[in-house]
């Protein structure tokens, strides 16, 4: 018997595993967060870090880093 593909049926793919364990470190008996959490959503919701900005995917909070030129101007004053 020849197996043929069924039209409209998608191939099953497994969901990616959680990588939240990478956001924490264990020092002695304390758990310390590596990544920053969202100031609006609270602890447990982490900000993703991209080129020059940090972004929360839940509430769309965006925090931009200061440019090098702005930092140099502030230090001269």
PDB file of N, CA and C in Angstrom:
ATOM      1  N   UNK A   1       0.841  -1.172   0.000  1.00  0.00           N
ATOM      2  CA  UNK A   1       0.000   0.000   0.000  1.00  0.00           C
ATOM      3  C   UNK A   1       0.893   1.245   0.000  1.00  0.00           C
ATOM      4  N   UNK A   2       0.589   2.198  -0.823  1.00  0.00           N
ATOM      5  CA  UNK A   2       1.359   3.422  -0.959  1.00  0.00           C
ATOM      6  C   UNK A   2       0.770   4.481  -0.017  1.00  0.00           C
ATOM      7  N   UNK A   3       1.641   5.045   0.821  1.00  0.00           N
ATOM      8  CA  UNK A   3       1.189   6.105   1.729  1.00  0.00           C
ATOM      9  C   UNK A   3       1.284   7.432   0.994  1.00  0.00           C
ATOM     10  N   UNK A   4       0.186   8.134   0.958  1.00  0.00           N
ATOM     11  CA  UNK A   4       0.195   9.444   0.318  1.00  0.00           C
ATOM     12  C   UNK A   4      -0.081  10.510   1.368  1.00  0.00           C
ATOM     13  N   UNK A   5       0.382  11.695   1.080  1.00  0.00           N
ATOM     14  CA  UNK A   5       0.173  12.801   2.009  1.00  0.00           C
ATOM     15  C   UNK A   5      -1.281  13.241   1.958  1.00  0.00           C
ATOM     16  N   UNK A   6      -1.811  13.566   3.122  1.00  0.00           N
ATOM     17  CA  UNK A   6      -3.176  14.064   3.202  1.00  0.00           C
ATOM     18  C   UNK A   6      -3.114  15.573   3.058  1.00  0.00           C
ATOM     19  N   UNK A   7      -3.888  16.106   2.122  1.00  0.00           N
ATOM     20  CA  UNK A   7      -3.887  17.547   1.902  1.00  0.00           C
ATOM     21  C   UNK A   7      -4.497  18.255   3.105  1.00  0.00           C
ATOM     22  N   UNK A   8      -3.887  19.367   3.495  1.00  0.00           N
ATOM     23  CA  UNK A   8      -4.396  20.162   4.600  1.00  0.00           C
ATOM     24  C   UNK A   8      -3.915  19.701   5.963  1.00  0.00           C
ATOM     25  N   UNK A   9      -3.252  18.593   6.051  1.00  0.00           N
ATOM     26  CA  UNK A   9      -2.766  18.094   7.330  1.00  0.00           C
ATOM     27  C   UNK A   9      -1.316  18.534   7.515  1.00  0.00           C
ATOM     28  N   UNK A  10      -1.022  19.143   8.680  1.00  0.00           N
ATOM     29  CA  UNK A  10       0.325  19.615   8.955  1.00  0.00           C
ATOM     30  C   UNK A  10       1.115  18.536   9.678  1.00  0.00           C
ATOM     31  N   UNK A  11       2.403  18.528   9.448  1.00  0.00           N
ATOM     32  CA  UNK A  11       3.284  17.600  10.124  1.00  0.00           C
ATOM     33  C   UNK A  11       3.425  18.009  11.592  1.00  0.00           C
ATOM     34  N   UNK A  12       3.410  17.036  12.485  1.00  0.00           N
ATOM     35  CA  UNK A  12       3.524  17.308  13.913  1.00  0.00           C
ATOM     36  C   UNK A  12       4.942  17.729  14.257  1.00  0.00           C
ATOM     37  N   UNK A  13       5.068  18.847  15.000  1.00  0.00           N
ATOM     38  CA  UNK A  13       6.369  19.290  15.493  1.00  0.00           C
ATOM     39  C   UNK A  13       6.271  19.478  16.999  1.00  0.00           C
ATOM     40  N   UNK A  14       7.294  19.084  17.709  1.00  0.00           N
ATOM     41  CA  UNK A  14       7.309  19.243  19.155  1.00  0.00           C
ATOM     42  C   UNK A  14       7.585  20.689  19.531  1.00  0.00           C
ATOM     43  N   UNK A  15       7.045  21.115  20.674  1.00  0.00           N
ATOM     44  CA  UNK A  15       7.277  22.469  21.156  1.00  0.00           C
ATOM     45  C   UNK A  15       8.702  22.565  21.690  1.00  0.00           C
ATOM     46  N   UNK A  16       9.329  23.744  21.569  1.00  0.00           N
ATOM     47  CA  UNK A  16      10.683  23.893  22.113  1.00  0.00           C
ATOM     48  C   UNK A  16      10.651  23.838  23.641  1.00  0.00           C
ATOM     49  N   UNK A  17      11.711  23.328  24.229  1.00  0.00           N
ATOM     50  CA  UNK A  17      11.767  23.219  25.680  1.00  0.00           C
ATOM     51  C   UNK A  17      12.032  24.586  26.306  1.00  0.00           C
ATOM     52  N   UNK A  18      11.634  24.743  27.545  1.00  0.00           N
ATOM     53  CA  UNK A  18      11.817  25.986  28.271  1.00  0.00           C
ATOM     54  C   UNK A  18      13.297  26.182  28.609  1.00  0.00           C
ATOM     55  N   UNK A  19      13.758  27.411  28.520  1.00  0.00           N
ATOM     56  CA  UNK A  19      15.148  27.709  28.860  1.00  0.00           C
ATOM     57  C   UNK A  19      15.203  28.741  29.990  1.00  0.00           C
ATOM     58  N   UNK A  20      14.195  28.739  30.866  1.00  0.00           N
ATOM     59  CA  UNK A  20      14.182  29.679  31.985  1.00  0.00           C
ATOM     60  C   UNK A  20      15.319  29.422  32.958  1.00  0.00           C
ATOM     61  N   UNK A  21      15.839  28.209  32.980  1.00  0.00           N
ATOM     62  CA  UNK A  21      16.929  27.886  33.902  1.00  0.00           C
ATOM     63  C   UNK A  21      18.179  28.688  33.584  1.00  0.00           C
ATOM     64  N   UNK A  22      18.303  29.220  32.375  1.00  0.00           N
ATOM     65  CA  UNK A  22      19.458  30.019  32.004  1.00  0.00           C
ATOM     66  C   UNK A  22      19.396  31.424  32.601  1.00  0.00           C
ATOM     67  N   UNK A  23      18.240  31.838  33.079  1.00  0.00           N
ATOM     68  CA  UNK A  23      18.053  33.175  33.635  1.00  0.00           C
ATOM     69  C   UNK A  23      18.443  33.263  35.108  1.00  0.00           C
ATOM     70  N   UNK A  24      18.738  32.127  35.753  1.00  0.00           N
ATOM     71  CA  UNK A  24      19.060  32.089  37.175  1.00  0.00           C
ATOM     72  C   UNK A  24      20.412  31.443  37.421  1.00  0.00           C
ATOM     73  N   UNK A  25      21.030  31.796  38.556  1.00  0.00           N
ATOM     74  CA  UNK A  25      22.227  31.120  39.023  1.00  0.00           C
ATOM     75  C   UNK A  25      22.025  30.737  40.481  1.00  0.00           C
ATOM     76  N   UNK A  26      22.702  29.685  40.913  1.00  0.00           N
ATOM     77  CA  UNK A  26      22.611  29.236  42.295  1.00  0.00           C
ATOM     78  C   UNK A  26      23.954  29.493  42.964  1.00  0.00           C
ATOM     79  N   UNK A  27      23.937  30.286  44.028  1.00  0.00           N
ATOM     80  CA  UNK A  27      25.145  30.570  44.803  1.00  0.00           C
ATOM     81  C   UNK A  27      24.878  30.166  46.241  1.00  0.00           C
ATOM     82  N   UNK A  28      25.468  29.061  46.647  1.00  0.00           N
ATOM     83  CA  UNK A  28      25.227  28.551  47.990  1.00  0.00           C
ATOM     84  C   UNK A  28      23.802  28.040  48.105  1.00  0.00           C
ATOM     85  N   UNK A  29      23.013  28.676  48.968  1.00  0.00           N
ATOM     86  CA  UNK A  29      21.612  28.284  49.112  1.00  0.00           C
ATOM     87  C   UNK A  29      20.665  29.363  48.589  1.00  0.00           C
ATOM     88  N   UNK A  30      21.205  30.324  47.812  1.00  0.00           N
ATOM     89  CA  UNK A  30      20.380  31.403  47.265  1.00  0.00           C
ATOM     90  C   UNK A  30      20.273  31.275  45.755  1.00  0.00           C
ATOM     91  N   UNK A  31      19.108  31.669  45.222  1.00  0.00           N
ATOM     92  CA  UNK A  31      18.890  31.709  43.778  1.00  0.00           C
ATOM     93  C   UNK A  31      18.921  33.171  43.353  1.00  0.00           C
ATOM     94  N   UNK A  32      19.771  33.492  42.385  1.00  0.00           N
ATOM     95  CA  UNK A  32      19.956  34.864  41.931  1.00  0.00           C
ATOM     96  C   UNK A  32      19.566  34.971  40.463  1.00  0.00           C
ATOM     97  N   UNK A  33      18.799  36.036  40.130  1.00  0.00           N
ATOM     98  CA  UNK A  33      18.390  36.263  38.747  1.00  0.00           C
ATOM     99  C   UNK A  33      19.516  36.916  37.971  1.00  0.00           C
ATOM    100  N   UNK A  34      19.795  36.401  36.762  1.00  0.00           N
ATOM    101  CA  UNK A  34      20.777  37.017  35.875  1.00  0.00           C
ATOM    102  C   UNK A  34      20.123  38.128  35.062  1.00  0.00           C
ATOM    103  N   UNK A  35      18.981  37.824  34.478  1.00  0.00           N
ATOM    104  CA  UNK A  35      18.306  38.743  33.565  1.00  0.00           C
ATOM    105  C   UNK A  35      17.443  39.730  34.331  1.00  0.00           C
ATOM    106  N   UNK A  36      17.170  40.861  33.689  1.00  0.00           N
ATOM    107  CA  UNK A  36      16.312  41.876  34.287  1.00  0.00           C
ATOM    108  C   UNK A  36      14.850  41.495  34.112  1.00  0.00           C
ATOM    109  N   UNK A  37      14.043  41.799  35.102  1.00  0.00           N
ATOM    110  CA  UNK A  37      12.609  41.549  34.984  1.00  0.00           C
ATOM    111  C   UNK A  37      11.910  42.849  34.592  1.00  0.00           C
ATOM    112  N   UNK A  38      10.702  42.725  34.086  1.00  0.00           N
ATOM    113  CA  UNK A  38       9.936  43.874  33.599  1.00  0.00           C
ATOM    114  C   UNK A  38       9.458  44.714  34.783  1.00  0.00           C
ATOM    115  N   UNK A  39       9.646  46.042  34.747  1.00  0.00           N
ATOM    116  CA  UNK A  39       9.184  46.885  35.847  1.00  0.00           C
ATOM    117  C   UNK A  39       7.659  46.983  35.924  1.00  0.00           C
ATOM    118  N   UNK A  40       6.972  46.812  34.807  1.00  0.00           N
ATOM    119  CA  UNK A  40       5.502  46.865  34.813  1.00  0.00           C
ATOM    120  C   UNK A  40       4.881  45.536  35.244  1.00  0.00           C
ATOM    121  N   UNK A  41       5.364  44.440  34.672  1.00  0.00           N
ATOM    122  CA  UNK A  41       4.758  43.122  34.919  1.00  0.00           C
ATOM    123  C   UNK A  41       5.208  42.512  36.241  1.00  0.00           C
ATOM    124  N   UNK A  42       6.394  42.852  36.698  1.00  0.00           N
ATOM    125  CA  UNK A  42       6.883  42.325  37.958  1.00  0.00           C
ATOM    126  C   UNK A  42       7.849  41.172  37.771  1.00  0.00           C
ATOM    127  N   UNK A  43       8.243  40.541  38.885  1.00  0.00           N
ATOM    128  CA  UNK A  43       9.215  39.452  38.799  1.00  0.00           C
ATOM    129  C   UNK A  43       8.637  38.228  38.092  1.00  0.00           C
ATOM    130  N   UNK A  44       9.494  37.525  37.375  1.00  0.00           N
ATOM    131  CA  UNK A  44       9.055  36.337  36.645  1.00  0.00           C
ATOM    132  C   UNK A  44       8.867  36.586  35.168  1.00  0.00           C
ATOM    133  N   UNK A  45       8.676  37.842  34.768  1.00  0.00           N
ATOM    134  CA  UNK A  45       8.571  38.201  33.353  1.00  0.00           C
ATOM    135  C   UNK A  45       9.860  38.926  32.991  1.00  0.00           C
ATOM    136  N   UNK A  46      10.665  38.302  32.127  1.00  0.00           N
ATOM    137  CA  UNK A  46      11.987  38.823  31.813  1.00  0.00           C
ATOM    138  C   UNK A  46      11.961  39.691  30.571  1.00  0.00           C
ATOM    139  N   UNK A  47      12.906  40.630  30.509  1.00  0.00           N
ATOM    140  CA  UNK A  47      13.076  41.484  29.338  1.00  0.00           C
ATOM    141  C   UNK A  47      14.037  40.803  28.372  1.00  0.00           C
ATOM    142  N   UNK A  48      13.673  40.774  27.099  1.00  0.00           N
ATOM    143  CA  UNK A  48      14.597  40.246  26.097  1.00  0.00           C
ATOM    144  C   UNK A  48      15.551  41.372  25.713  1.00  0.00           C
ATOM    145  N   UNK A  49      16.804  41.039  25.516  1.00  0.00           N
ATOM    146  CA  UNK A  49      17.820  42.046  25.236  1.00  0.00           C
ATOM    147  C   UNK A  49      18.215  41.945  23.780  1.00  0.00           C
ATOM    148  N   UNK A  50      18.117  43.064  23.066  1.00  0.00           N
ATOM    149  CA  UNK A  50      18.485  43.123  21.658  1.00  0.00           C
ATOM    150  C   UNK A  50      19.546  44.181  21.446  1.00  0.00           C
ATOM    151  N   UNK A  51      19.632  44.693  20.237  1.00  0.00           N
ATOM    152  CA  UNK A  51      20.627  45.717  19.919  1.00  0.00           C
ATOM    153  C   UNK A  51      20.203  47.051  20.543  1.00  0.00           C
ATOM    154  N   UNK A  52      20.816  47.412  21.644  1.00  0.00           N
ATOM    155  CA  UNK A  52      20.578  48.713  22.244  1.00  0.00           C
ATOM    156  C   UNK A  52      19.235  48.881  22.930  1.00  0.00           C
ATOM    157  N   UNK A  53      18.509  47.794  23.195  1.00  0.00           N
ATOM    158  CA  UNK A  53      17.222  47.945  23.863  1.00  0.00           C
ATOM    159  C   UNK A  53      16.844  46.667  24.596  1.00  0.00           C
ATOM    160  N   UNK A  54      15.959  46.827  25.572  1.00  0.00           N
ATOM    161  CA  UNK A  54      15.386  45.706  26.307  1.00  0.00           C
ATOM    162  C   UNK A  54      13.879  45.772  26.113  1.00  0.00           C
ATOM    163  N   UNK A  55      13.226  44.628  25.866  1.00  0.00           N
ATOM    164  CA  UNK A  55      11.825  44.610  25.463  1.00  0.00           C
ATOM    165  C   UNK A  55      11.052  43.539  26.234  1.00  0.00           C
ATOM    166  N   UNK A  56       9.840  43.886  26.657  1.00  0.00           N
ATOM    167  CA  UNK A  56       8.941  42.934  27.308  1.00  0.00           C
ATOM    168  C   UNK A  56       7.885  42.519  26.289  1.00  0.00           C
ATOM    169  N   UNK A  57       7.788  41.232  26.029  1.00  0.00           N
ATOM    170  CA  UNK A  57       6.830  40.739  25.045  1.00  0.00           C
ATOM    171  C   UNK A  57       5.408  40.698  25.558  1.00  0.00           C
ATOM    172  N   UNK A  58       5.225  40.800  26.861  1.00  0.00           N
ATOM    173  CA  UNK A  58       3.881  40.715  27.441  1.00  0.00           C
ATOM    174  C   UNK A  58       3.166  42.064  27.409  1.00  0.00           C
ATOM    175  N   UNK A  59       3.819  43.119  27.915  1.00  0.00           N
ATOM    176  CA  UNK A  59       3.173  44.440  27.979  1.00  0.00           C
ATOM    177  C   UNK A  59       3.769  45.425  26.982  1.00  0.00           C
ATOM    178  N   UNK A  60       4.747  45.003  26.186  1.00  0.00           N
ATOM    179  CA  UNK A  60       5.397  45.809  25.145  1.00  0.00           C
ATOM    180  C   UNK A  60       6.197  46.981  25.707  1.00  0.00           C
ATOM    181  N   UNK A  61       6.694  46.838  26.923  1.00  0.00           N
ATOM    182  CA  UNK A  61       7.571  47.840  27.523  1.00  0.00           C
ATOM    183  C   UNK A  61       8.922  47.780  26.829  1.00  0.00           C
ATOM    184  N   UNK A  62       9.447  48.930  26.419  1.00  0.00           N
ATOM    185  CA  UNK A  62      10.743  48.993  25.746  1.00  0.00           C
ATOM    186  C   UNK A  62      11.635  49.983  26.471  1.00  0.00           C
ATOM    187  N   UNK A  63      12.866  49.581  26.719  1.00  0.00           N
ATOM    188  CA  UNK A  63      13.834  50.439  27.380  1.00  0.00           C
ATOM    189  C   UNK A  63      15.058  50.529  26.483  1.00  0.00           C
ATOM    190  N   UNK A  64      15.416  51.743  26.074  1.00  0.00           N
ATOM    191  CA  UNK A  64      16.539  51.949  25.179  1.00  0.00           C
ATOM    192  C   UNK A  64      17.791  52.296  25.961  1.00  0.00           C
ATOM    193  N   UNK A  65      18.956  51.840  25.473  1.00  0.00           N
ATOM    194  CA  UNK A  65      20.235  52.200  26.068  1.00  0.00           C
ATOM    195  C   UNK A  65      20.654  53.556  25.523  1.00  0.00           C
ATOM    196  N   UNK A  66      21.392  54.296  26.327  1.00  0.00           N
ATOM    197  CA  UNK A  66      21.880  55.602  25.875  1.00  0.00           C
ATOM    198  C   UNK A  66      22.984  55.393  24.854  1.00  0.00           C
ATOM    199  N   UNK A  67      23.025  56.254  23.863  1.00  0.00           N
ATOM    200  CA  UNK A  67      24.066  56.177  22.851  1.00  0.00           C
ATOM    201  C   UNK A  67      25.377  56.691  23.419  1.00  0.00           C
ATOM    202  N   UNK A  68      26.488  56.296  22.834  1.00  0.00           N
ATOM    203  CA  UNK A  68      27.808  56.696  23.304  1.00  0.00           C
ATOM    204  C   UNK A  68      27.987  58.209  23.236  1.00  0.00           C
ATOM    205  N   UNK A  69      27.408  58.859  22.240  1.00  0.00           N
ATOM    206  CA  UNK A  69      27.548  60.301  22.069  1.00  0.00           C
ATOM    207  C   UNK A  69      26.869  61.026  23.226  1.00  0.00           C
ATOM    208  N   UNK A  70      25.679  60.557  23.629  1.00  0.00           N
ATOM    209  CA  UNK A  70      24.967  61.192  24.737  1.00  0.00           C
ATOM    210  C   UNK A  70      25.736  61.041  26.043  1.00  0.00           C
ATOM    211  N   UNK A  71      26.356  59.902  26.244  1.00  0.00           N
ATOM    212  CA  UNK A  71      27.124  59.647  27.465  1.00  0.00           C
ATOM    213  C   UNK A  71      28.359  60.554  27.505  1.00  0.00           C
ATOM    214  N   UNK A  72      29.021  60.742  26.377  1.00  0.00           N
ATOM    215  CA  UNK A  72      30.198  61.619  26.310  1.00  0.00           C
ATOM    216  C   UNK A  72      29.815  63.061  26.586  1.00  0.00           C
ATOM    217  N   UNK A  73      28.662  63.507  26.077  1.00  0.00           N
ATOM    218  CA  UNK A  73      28.215  64.881  26.320  1.00  0.00           C
ATOM    219  C   UNK A  73      27.884  65.091  27.786  1.00  0.00           C
ATOM    220  N   UNK A  74      27.284  64.116  28.428  1.00  0.00           N
ATOM    221  CA  UNK A  74      26.932  64.241  29.848  1.00  0.00           C
ATOM    222  C   UNK A  74      28.188  64.283  30.718  1.00  0.00           C
ATOM    223  N   UNK A  75      29.208  63.513  30.335  1.00  0.00           N
ATOM    224  CA  UNK A  75      30.440  63.485  31.142  1.00  0.00           C
ATOM    225  C   UNK A  75      31.243  64.788  31.019  1.00  0.00           C
ATOM    226  N   UNK A  76      31.132  65.509  29.888  1.00  0.00           N
ATOM    227  CA  UNK A  76      31.853  66.751  29.692  1.00  0.00           C
ATOM    228  C   UNK A  76      31.255  67.900  30.492  1.00  0.00           C
ATOM    229  N   UNK A  77      29.965  67.826  30.778  1.00  0.00           N
ATOM    230  CA  UNK A  77      29.294  68.941  31.483  1.00  0.00           C
ATOM    231  C   UNK A  77      29.634  69.016  32.927  1.00  0.00           C
TER     232      UNK A  77
END
